[in-house]
Amino acid sequence: MPFFGVPAPRQERGGAANVRIVIKDMETDEEVRGKAYVHWRSWQETYPGMMDGAYLAARTLEKCEEKAFRWRDGILVAKDGERVAGFVGFGAAGDSLPDAGEVFALYVLPEYCGQGVGGALMDAALERLRQYRRVCLWVLKETARAIRFYEKRGFRRDGAEKYSETVGAVGIRMVLQR
């Protein structure tokens, strides 16, 4: 079960205040590497203390790149010029919630948080999933900020929870009914 969330609170604005974000399909090898970096950095800055430390330590940038090159479909990236500032992964939910779409991952670099990048990525993913009347996602139970982000977009907890032995944490399912 994939877990994801909005990264840790903004630590600096670092010149990102006047960004022009473009949301697009992930296409080039540089975009794949950028997506992998966002994924790796977000996990390293967001999840310490929330999941198994050994699992988190083993989640290297190289492993994130390997995964990103294997899983290229259903990924949109948010770009600030040539820099990947965030990404979203989406598709069919499968057996866990038949006839529903799913947002599998949504991450934004901390310096872009609070600037609408996550919302723009979510809007774009929901547009791509428009054929589904329901869209679900899984989020770590301890990530209150991420849960608030999704609730503001209409997602509600449906009561489903799973403990992942792999990451050593509990995830909750949230569903958007359209």
Protein backbone atom coordinates (compact mmCIF):
# COMPACT_ATOMS: atom_id res chain seq x y z
CA MET A 1 0.00 0.00 0.00
CA PRO A 2 1.55 3.33 -0.96
CA PHE A 3 1.68 6.07 1.65
CA PHE A 4 2.14 9.71 0.89
CA GLY A 5 1.44 13.16 2.11
CA VAL A 6 2.20 16.79 1.92
CA PRO A 7 5.83 17.41 2.93
CA ALA A 8 6.98 18.96 6.18
CA PRO A 9 6.14 22.59 6.88
CA ARG A 10 7.93 25.18 4.74
CA GLN A 11 11.40 25.84 6.05
CA GLU A 12 12.26 28.68 3.70
CA ARG A 13 10.84 30.42 0.69
CA GLY A 14 14.21 30.32 -1.08
CA GLY A 15 13.18 32.39 -4.08
CA ALA A 16 10.21 30.17 -4.82
CA ALA A 17 7.72 32.95 -4.05
CA ASN A 18 7.50 34.14 -7.67
CA VAL A 19 7.26 30.77 -9.34
CA ARG A 20 5.48 29.92 -12.55
CA ILE A 21 4.50 26.30 -12.20
CA VAL A 22 3.65 24.17 -15.21
CA ILE A 23 1.87 20.84 -14.63
CA LYS A 24 2.70 18.27 -17.30
CA ASP A 25 3.14 14.59 -18.01
CA MET A 26 6.50 13.26 -16.84
CA GLU A 27 8.36 12.60 -20.10
CA THR A 28 12.10 13.20 -20.06
CA ASP A 29 14.82 11.38 -18.12
CA GLU A 30 15.56 14.67 -16.33
CA GLU A 31 11.93 14.89 -15.22
CA VAL A 32 12.12 11.29 -13.98
CA ARG A 33 15.25 12.14 -11.98
CA GLY A 34 13.56 15.28 -10.65
CA LYS A 35 10.50 13.28 -9.59
CA ALA A 36 12.77 10.79 -7.82
CA TYR A 37 14.53 13.60 -5.96
CA VAL A 38 11.22 15.10 -4.82
CA HIS A 39 10.07 11.66 -3.65
CA TRP A 40 13.30 10.92 -1.78
CA ARG A 41 13.64 14.34 -0.15
CA SER A 42 9.96 14.48 0.86
CA TRP A 43 10.17 11.11 2.60
CA GLN A 44 13.42 12.05 4.38
CA GLU A 45 12.00 15.36 5.64
CA THR A 46 8.41 14.31 6.35
CA TYR A 47 8.42 10.83 7.85
CA PRO A 48 11.19 10.57 10.50
CA GLY A 49 9.51 9.42 13.71
CA MET A 50 6.35 8.38 11.83
CA MET A 51 7.63 5.18 10.25
CA ASP A 52 10.31 2.56 10.71
CA GLY A 53 13.69 4.31 10.78
CA ALA A 54 15.55 1.44 9.10
CA TYR A 55 13.07 1.40 6.22
CA LEU A 56 13.37 5.15 5.81
CA ALA A 57 17.19 5.05 5.92
CA ALA A 58 17.22 2.34 3.24
CA ARG A 59 15.06 4.51 0.94
CA THR A 60 17.95 6.10 -0.94
CA LEU A 61 17.86 8.54 -3.83
CA GLU A 62 19.20 5.77 -6.08
CA LYS A 63 16.32 3.46 -5.12
CA CYS A 64 13.83 6.27 -5.76
CA GLU A 65 15.39 6.79 -9.21
CA GLU A 66 15.16 3.08 -10.02
CA LYS A 67 11.49 3.07 -9.07
CA ALA A 68 10.81 6.29 -11.00
CA PHE A 69 12.32 4.87 -14.18
CA ARG A 70 10.23 1.68 -13.81
CA TRP A 71 6.96 3.52 -13.04
CA ARG A 72 6.55 6.31 -15.60
CA ASP A 73 2.83 6.05 -16.40
CA GLY A 74 0.21 8.09 -14.59
CA ILE A 75 2.69 10.68 -13.29
CA LEU A 76 2.36 14.43 -13.62
CA VAL A 77 5.16 16.76 -12.57
CA ALA A 78 5.02 20.37 -11.43
CA LYS A 79 7.89 22.29 -12.98
CA ASP A 80 9.35 25.65 -12.05
CA GLY A 81 11.43 26.31 -15.15
CA GLU A 82 13.55 23.17 -15.50
CA ARG A 83 13.20 22.17 -11.84
CA VAL A 84 10.68 19.52 -10.76
CA ALA A 85 8.97 21.03 -7.71
CA GLY A 86 6.45 18.22 -7.12
CA PHE A 87 4.59 15.29 -8.62
CA VAL A 88 1.39 13.29 -8.41
CA GLY A 89 0.78 9.64 -9.33
CA PHE A 90 -2.71 8.36 -10.15
CA GLY A 91 -4.70 5.56 -11.80
CA ALA A 92 -7.41 2.98 -11.18
CA ALA A 93 -7.83 1.95 -7.54
CA GLY A 94 -8.12 -1.73 -8.40
CA ASP A 95 -9.63 -4.39 -6.15
CA SER A 96 -9.43 -2.34 -2.96
CA LEU A 97 -12.15 0.03 -4.19
CA PRO A 98 -13.64 -1.15 -7.49
CA ASP A 99 -14.85 1.48 -9.96
CA ALA A 100 -12.77 4.19 -8.27
CA GLY A 101 -9.71 6.16 -9.20
CA GLU A 102 -6.78 6.55 -6.83
CA VAL A 103 -4.16 9.16 -6.13
CA PHE A 104 -1.15 6.99 -5.27
CA ALA A 105 1.35 9.72 -4.39
CA LEU A 106 1.49 13.49 -4.05
CA TYR A 107 4.68 15.26 -2.97
CA VAL A 108 5.95 18.81 -3.18
CA LEU A 109 9.39 20.12 -2.23
CA PRO A 110 9.17 21.98 1.10
CA GLU A 111 10.23 25.32 -0.39
CA TYR A 112 7.16 25.20 -2.68
CA CYS A 113 4.64 24.33 0.04
CA GLY A 114 1.93 26.88 0.68
CA GLN A 115 2.13 28.23 -2.86
CA GLY A 116 -0.61 26.18 -4.51
CA VAL A 117 1.62 23.57 -6.12
CA GLY A 118 0.04 20.63 -4.28
CA GLY A 119 -3.46 21.91 -5.08
CA ALA A 120 -2.58 22.35 -8.75
CA LEU A 121 -1.20 18.80 -8.91
CA MET A 122 -4.30 17.41 -7.19
CA ASP A 123 -6.61 19.33 -9.54
CA ALA A 124 -4.74 18.00 -12.56
CA ALA A 125 -4.87 14.41 -11.27
CA LEU A 126 -8.59 14.68 -10.50
CA GLU A 127 -9.18 15.98 -14.01
CA ARG A 128 -7.33 12.95 -15.42
CA LEU A 129 -9.50 10.73 -13.18
CA ARG A 130 -12.75 12.46 -14.19
CA GLN A 131 -14.32 9.19 -15.42
CA TYR A 132 -14.46 7.98 -11.78
CA ARG A 133 -17.28 9.08 -9.45
CA ARG A 134 -15.06 8.17 -6.49
CA VAL A 135 -11.37 8.83 -5.98
CA CYS A 136 -9.45 7.43 -3.02
CA LEU A 137 -6.03 7.84 -1.49
CA TRP A 138 -4.10 6.44 1.44
CA VAL A 139 -2.31 8.71 3.89
CA LEU A 140 -0.34 8.06 7.06
CA LYS A 141 -2.62 8.40 10.06
CA GLU A 142 -0.05 10.62 11.82
CA THR A 143 0.23 13.22 9.04
CA ALA A 144 -2.37 15.71 10.28
CA ARG A 145 -1.23 18.39 7.83
CA ALA A 146 -1.71 16.06 4.86
CA ILE A 147 -5.12 14.97 6.12
CA ARG A 148 -6.22 18.62 6.40
CA PHE A 149 -4.94 19.25 2.84
CA TYR A 150 -7.09 16.41 1.49
CA GLU A 151 -10.13 17.32 3.59
CA LYS A 152 -10.05 20.86 2.15
CA ARG A 153 -10.34 19.23 -1.28
CA GLY A 154 -13.39 17.18 -0.31
CA PHE A 155 -11.79 13.87 0.69
CA ARG A 156 -13.29 12.17 3.75
CA ARG A 157 -12.10 9.24 5.84
CA ASP A 158 -14.11 6.13 5.05
CA GLY A 159 -13.01 4.11 8.08
CA ALA A 160 -10.54 1.85 6.26
CA GLU A 161 -7.15 1.53 7.96
CA LYS A 162 -4.15 -0.68 7.28
CA TYR A 163 -0.97 -1.30 9.19
CA SER A 164 2.01 -1.68 6.86
CA GLU A 165 4.67 -3.99 8.24
CA THR A 166 7.03 -2.63 5.58
CA VAL A 167 6.99 0.97 6.79
CA GLY A 168 5.82 0.30 10.35
CA ALA A 169 2.91 2.74 10.23
CA VAL A 170 -0.88 2.93 9.90
CA GLY A 171 -2.49 4.36 6.79
CA ILE A 172 -6.05 5.59 6.50
CA ARG A 173 -8.12 5.69 3.33
CA MET A 174 -9.84 8.89 2.28
CA VAL A 175 -12.45 9.07 -0.49
CA LEU A 176 -13.75 11.90 -2.61
CA GLN A 177 -17.33 11.39 -3.82
CA ARG A 178 -18.21 13.42 -6.90
